[in-house]
Every structure is written in structure tokens, then in C-alpha cells.
N, C-alpha and C. Protein backbone atom coordinates (compact mmCIF):
# COMPACT_ATOMS: atom_id res chain seq x y z
N MET A 1 9.03 1.90 -7.32
CA MET A 1 7.99 2.58 -6.96
C MET A 1 7.56 2.01 -5.44
N THR A 2 7.55 2.78 -4.52
CA THR A 2 7.22 2.31 -3.07
C THR A 2 5.89 2.85 -2.80
N THR A 3 5.10 2.09 -2.04
CA THR A 3 3.67 2.45 -1.68
C THR A 3 3.52 2.32 -0.18
N ALA A 4 3.08 3.45 0.16
CA ALA A 4 2.99 3.51 1.78
C ALA A 4 1.54 3.64 2.01
N ILE A 5 1.22 2.84 2.93
CA ILE A 5 -0.21 3.15 3.51
C ILE A 5 -0.39 3.59 5.07
N ALA A 6 -0.82 4.76 5.20
CA ALA A 6 -0.94 5.27 6.55
C ALA A 6 -2.26 5.01 7.27
N PHE A 7 -2.35 4.54 8.61
CA PHE A 7 -3.32 4.27 9.30
C PHE A 7 -3.76 5.42 10.18
N ALA A 8 -4.63 6.14 10.49
CA ALA A 8 -4.98 6.93 11.41
C ALA A 8 -5.66 6.31 12.53
N PRO A 9 -5.30 6.98 13.79
CA PRO A 9 -6.10 6.12 14.82
C PRO A 9 -7.65 6.63 14.75
N CYS A 10 -8.51 5.62 15.20
CA CYS A 10 -10.00 5.70 14.72
C CYS A 10 -10.55 4.71 15.76
N GLY A 11 -11.83 4.82 15.68
CA GLY A 11 -12.80 4.12 16.70
C GLY A 11 -12.44 2.49 16.29
N ALA A 12 -11.81 2.25 15.18
CA ALA A 12 -11.61 0.54 15.22
C ALA A 12 -10.47 0.17 16.16
N PHE A 13 -9.98 0.98 16.78
CA PHE A 13 -9.11 0.49 17.92
C PHE A 13 -9.79 0.83 19.27
N SER A 14 -10.79 1.29 19.27
CA SER A 14 -11.49 1.70 20.60
C SER A 14 -12.23 0.32 21.04
N GLU A 15 -12.74 0.39 22.35
CA GLU A 15 -13.14 -0.76 22.77
C GLU A 15 -14.47 -1.30 22.38
N ALA A 16 -15.40 -0.43 21.65
CA ALA A 16 -16.34 -0.70 21.04
C ALA A 16 -16.82 0.57 19.96
N LEU A 17 -17.17 0.03 18.85
CA LEU A 17 -17.77 1.11 17.71
C LEU A 17 -19.16 1.69 18.09
N ALA A 18 -19.93 0.93 18.86
CA ALA A 18 -21.25 1.01 19.01
C ALA A 18 -21.48 0.68 20.68
N ASP A 19 -22.72 1.21 20.99
CA ASP A 19 -23.02 0.78 22.43
C ASP A 19 -23.79 -0.48 22.29
N ASN A 20 -23.09 -1.42 23.03
CA ASN A 20 -23.71 -2.74 23.16
C ASN A 20 -24.40 -2.92 24.37
N SER A 21 -24.97 -1.99 24.94
CA SER A 21 -25.75 -2.18 26.39
C SER A 21 -27.02 -3.00 25.76
N PRO A 22 -27.89 -2.58 24.55
CA PRO A 22 -29.04 -3.35 24.34
C PRO A 22 -29.00 -4.56 24.00
N LEU A 23 -27.78 -5.16 23.56
CA LEU A 23 -27.59 -6.44 23.20
C LEU A 23 -27.24 -7.10 24.71
N ALA A 24 -26.22 -6.58 25.63
CA ALA A 24 -26.18 -7.08 26.83
C ALA A 24 -27.56 -7.20 27.42
N ALA A 25 -28.30 -6.46 27.66
CA ALA A 25 -29.54 -6.59 28.46
C ALA A 25 -30.50 -7.57 27.90
N GLU A 26 -30.40 -7.64 26.25
CA GLU A 26 -31.32 -8.67 25.85
C GLU A 26 -30.75 -10.19 26.20
N ILE A 27 -29.24 -10.55 26.11
CA ILE A 27 -28.51 -11.43 26.65
C ILE A 27 -29.02 -12.03 27.91
N ASP A 28 -28.94 -10.89 28.79
CA ASP A 28 -29.47 -11.13 30.40
C ASP A 28 -30.68 -11.60 30.61
N ARG A 29 -31.64 -11.23 29.72
CA ARG A 29 -32.99 -11.50 29.78
C ARG A 29 -33.34 -13.04 29.12
N THR A 30 -32.48 -13.44 28.15
CA THR A 30 -32.75 -14.56 27.39
C THR A 30 -31.87 -15.87 27.84
N LEU A 31 -30.69 -15.54 28.39
CA LEU A 31 -29.71 -16.76 28.60
C LEU A 31 -29.96 -16.93 30.05
N THR A 32 -30.51 -18.21 30.36
CA THR A 32 -30.69 -18.54 31.67
C THR A 32 -29.40 -19.60 32.20
N MET A 33 -29.23 -20.07 33.48
CA MET A 33 -28.46 -20.86 33.63
C MET A 33 -28.66 -22.06 33.34
N GLN A 34 -29.86 -22.49 33.28
CA GLN A 34 -30.16 -23.88 32.75
C GLN A 34 -29.68 -24.07 30.99
N MET A 35 -30.02 -22.92 30.62
CA MET A 35 -29.46 -22.93 28.99
C MET A 35 -27.90 -22.85 28.95
N MET A 36 -27.29 -22.24 29.87
CA MET A 36 -25.92 -22.44 29.87
C MET A 36 -25.12 -23.82 30.26
N GLN A 37 -26.09 -24.38 31.19
CA GLN A 37 -25.55 -25.87 31.52
C GLN A 37 -26.07 -26.69 30.39
N GLU A 38 -27.05 -26.59 29.70
CA GLU A 38 -27.20 -27.56 28.56
C GLU A 38 -26.16 -27.15 27.34
N ILE A 39 -26.03 -25.78 27.01
CA ILE A 39 -24.79 -25.60 26.03
C ILE A 39 -23.50 -26.30 26.52
N ALA A 40 -23.41 -26.23 27.81
CA ALA A 40 -21.93 -26.75 28.19
C ALA A 40 -21.95 -28.34 28.03
N ILE A 41 -23.26 -28.77 28.36
CA ILE A 41 -23.06 -30.35 28.20
C ILE A 41 -22.81 -30.82 26.74
N GLU A 42 -23.50 -29.94 25.81
CA GLU A 42 -23.38 -30.38 24.34
C GLU A 42 -21.86 -30.13 23.95
N HIS A 43 -21.18 -28.90 24.63
CA HIS A 43 -19.89 -28.78 24.17
C HIS A 43 -18.98 -29.72 24.57
N SER A 44 -19.29 -30.27 25.66
CA SER A 44 -18.38 -31.50 26.32
C SER A 44 -18.60 -32.59 25.35
N LYS A 45 -19.53 -32.94 24.46
CA LYS A 45 -19.92 -33.75 23.47
C LYS A 45 -18.91 -33.62 22.08
N GLY A 46 -18.51 -32.28 22.00
CA GLY A 46 -17.93 -32.03 20.76
C GLY A 46 -18.70 -30.79 19.88
N ARG A 47 -19.82 -30.69 20.29
CA ARG A 47 -20.67 -29.97 19.49
C ARG A 47 -20.27 -28.34 19.67
N ARG A 48 -20.39 -27.24 18.83
CA ARG A 48 -20.25 -26.10 19.23
C ARG A 48 -21.34 -25.24 18.75
N LEU A 49 -21.46 -24.20 19.57
CA LEU A 49 -22.77 -23.07 19.26
C LEU A 49 -22.05 -21.91 18.71
N TYR A 50 -22.12 -21.45 17.40
CA TYR A 50 -22.05 -20.20 17.02
C TYR A 50 -22.85 -19.06 16.35
N LEU A 51 -22.63 -17.98 17.35
CA LEU A 51 -23.85 -16.89 17.16
C LEU A 51 -23.10 -15.74 16.31
N GLY A 52 -24.11 -14.98 15.65
CA GLY A 52 -23.57 -14.06 15.14
C GLY A 52 -24.88 -12.86 15.13
N ASN A 53 -24.54 -11.60 14.92
CA ASN A 53 -25.38 -10.58 15.07
C ASN A 53 -25.15 -9.46 14.07
N SER A 54 -26.33 -9.13 13.45
CA SER A 54 -26.22 -8.17 12.13
C SER A 54 -27.23 -7.38 12.35
N THR A 55 -27.04 -5.93 12.52
CA THR A 55 -28.04 -5.02 12.45
C THR A 55 -27.87 -3.71 11.41
N THR A 56 -29.00 -3.60 10.88
CA THR A 56 -28.93 -2.55 9.87
C THR A 56 -30.02 -1.52 10.26
N ARG A 57 -29.47 -0.08 9.95
CA ARG A 57 -30.14 0.76 10.08
C ARG A 57 -30.40 1.84 9.19
């Protein structure tokens, strides 16, 4: 028996599934050059900053 799975082109292959402009605007308001420099200093020490975002409607 052979099983074939067909994938139809959909939003999963597009640039974005949703409008990310509100998130981009929040990042622009929140992330300062000073904060970026502090993150870079800690990164050079081997520390990593991982961010996640989840929204339910």
C-alpha cells in the first residue's frame, strides 16, 4: 500500500500569516540603542536572550 500526501499552496509559504506591524511598532517603542548594547555585551559573555510571542483572540 502506498500513501501519498498532497500539500496545497497556502499561507504557510507566504511572507507572513498575519499583520506583524503592531509587533514591529511595539519593538520600535521599547527596544532602545542602550538596551541593544547591553544585550550585545551579555551575548559576548556567552549569554543568550530568547524571546517568544503568543497571542490568542
